Amino acid sequence: MGFKRKGSRVEISRSGRLQRGALSAPCKVLDVSETGVKLESRLFVKSGDALQLVVELDQGRTLTCGLQVVHVRSPKFGATITSISPEDRERLAHILDDHVQSNFSRR
């Protein structure tokens, strides 16, 4: 049962909020890639669920995207990013770039 990931995942451990319709719950974003996220939340989800995610970034900024749940091992689950604005896509790219830069600068 292997998953085929397009990009590498970056651990970010950020607080976030999940929404499904009128239901809202806190979550922790464990890691992120260009195409998906791994989350931890008490919100009950099942494979195929559509969710909205808001991640808290530095300096009061947020990143918002639509998700579809693809893998559940409660309380953690993985989801594919299904919708994201160009501005938030750029913020996500900066998170990934910063991680790569900091890993290469460490010796």
Protein backbone atom coordinates (compact mmCIF):
# COMPACT_ATOMS: atom_id res chain seq x y z
CA MET A 1 0.00 0.00 0.00
CA GLY A 2 2.39 2.71 -1.16
CA PHE A 3 1.62 6.33 -1.83
CA LYS A 4 3.13 8.06 -4.81
CA ARG A 5 4.17 11.55 -3.78
CA LYS A 6 5.21 14.10 -6.37
CA GLY A 7 7.22 16.31 -4.00
CA SER A 8 9.01 15.93 -0.72
CA ARG A 9 7.24 16.84 2.49
CA VAL A 10 8.45 19.54 4.87
CA GLU A 11 7.73 19.36 8.61
CA ILE A 12 6.20 22.65 9.74
CA SER A 13 4.19 21.90 12.93
CA ARG A 14 1.82 24.87 12.60
CA SER A 15 -1.57 25.50 14.16
CA GLY A 16 -4.50 25.59 11.84
CA ARG A 17 -8.26 25.36 11.54
CA LEU A 18 -10.31 22.88 9.54
CA GLN A 19 -13.78 23.58 8.25
CA ARG A 20 -16.38 21.28 6.79
CA GLY A 21 -19.60 23.19 6.18
CA ALA A 22 -20.61 24.83 9.46
CA LEU A 23 -18.31 22.53 11.45
CA SER A 24 -14.94 23.95 12.50
CA ALA A 25 -12.12 22.35 14.51
CA PRO A 26 -8.53 23.17 15.44
CA CYS A 27 -5.76 21.11 13.90
CA LYS A 28 -2.01 20.85 13.73
CA VAL A 29 -0.35 20.84 10.32
CA LEU A 30 2.44 18.28 10.72
CA ASP A 31 3.96 18.53 7.26
CA VAL A 32 3.28 19.95 3.85
CA SER A 33 4.28 19.49 0.21
CA GLU A 34 3.34 21.29 -2.99
CA THR A 35 0.36 18.98 -3.41
CA GLY A 36 -0.72 17.86 0.05
CA VAL A 37 -0.62 18.04 3.83
CA LYS A 38 -0.48 15.75 6.84
CA LEU A 39 -2.68 16.89 9.70
CA GLU A 40 -3.63 15.94 13.23
CA SER A 41 -7.14 16.80 14.44
CA ARG A 42 -10.00 15.52 16.55
CA LEU A 43 -12.38 16.29 13.70
CA PHE A 44 -13.84 13.02 12.41
CA VAL A 45 -12.90 12.63 8.76
CA LYS A 46 -13.06 9.83 6.24
CA SER A 47 -11.36 9.30 2.92
CA GLY A 48 -12.94 11.49 0.25
CA ASP A 49 -14.10 14.28 2.61
CA ALA A 50 -13.69 17.83 1.33
CA LEU A 51 -12.34 20.33 3.87
CA GLN A 52 -11.13 23.92 4.07
CA LEU A 53 -7.82 24.52 5.87
CA VAL A 54 -6.48 27.78 7.28
CA VAL A 55 -2.86 27.62 8.50
CA GLU A 56 -1.37 30.29 10.77
CA LEU A 57 1.94 31.62 9.46
CA ASP A 58 4.42 34.20 10.78
CA GLN A 59 3.50 37.88 11.20
CA GLY A 60 -0.23 37.17 11.42
CA ARG A 61 -0.44 35.86 7.85
CA THR A 62 -2.50 32.82 6.94
CA LEU A 63 -2.57 30.28 4.14
CA THR A 64 -5.97 28.96 3.04
CA CYS A 65 -6.64 25.96 0.80
CA GLY A 66 -9.21 23.35 -0.06
CA LEU A 67 -8.40 19.72 0.75
CA GLN A 68 -9.60 16.24 -0.02
CA VAL A 69 -8.85 13.55 2.55
CA VAL A 70 -6.94 10.62 1.02
CA HIS A 71 -5.63 8.63 4.00
CA VAL A 72 -6.84 8.36 7.60
CA ARG A 73 -5.06 6.91 10.61
CA SER A 74 -6.87 8.72 13.40
CA PRO A 75 -6.07 11.27 14.79
CA LYS A 76 -3.75 11.90 11.83
CA PHE A 77 -4.69 12.05 8.17
CA GLY A 78 -3.27 13.03 4.80
CA ALA A 79 -5.03 15.22 2.28
CA THR A 80 -4.47 16.48 -1.25
CA ILE A 81 -4.66 20.20 -1.91
CA THR A 82 -7.59 20.65 -4.30
CA SER A 83 -7.79 24.45 -4.44
CA ILE A 84 -5.42 27.25 -3.50
CA SER A 85 -5.18 30.89 -4.57
CA PRO A 86 -2.10 32.09 -6.50
CA GLU A 87 -1.07 34.18 -3.45
CA ASP A 88 -1.34 31.22 -1.09
CA ARG A 89 0.44 28.96 -3.61
CA GLU A 90 3.32 31.49 -3.49
CA ARG A 91 3.33 31.45 0.33
CA LEU A 92 3.47 27.65 0.23
CA ALA A 93 6.38 27.77 -2.24
CA HIS A 94 8.23 30.13 0.15
CA ILE A 95 7.72 27.70 3.05
CA LEU A 96 9.17 24.87 0.97
CA ASP A 97 12.03 27.04 -0.39
CA ASP A 98 12.94 28.30 3.09
CA HIS A 99 13.13 24.72 4.34
CA VAL A 100 15.42 23.70 1.47
CA GLN A 101 17.63 26.76 2.02
CA SER A 102 17.95 26.14 5.77
CA ASN A 103 18.79 22.46 5.23
CA PHE A 104 21.53 23.27 2.71
CA SER A 105 23.02 26.01 4.88
CA ARG A 106 23.40 23.65 7.87
CA ARG A 107 26.72 21.80 7.98
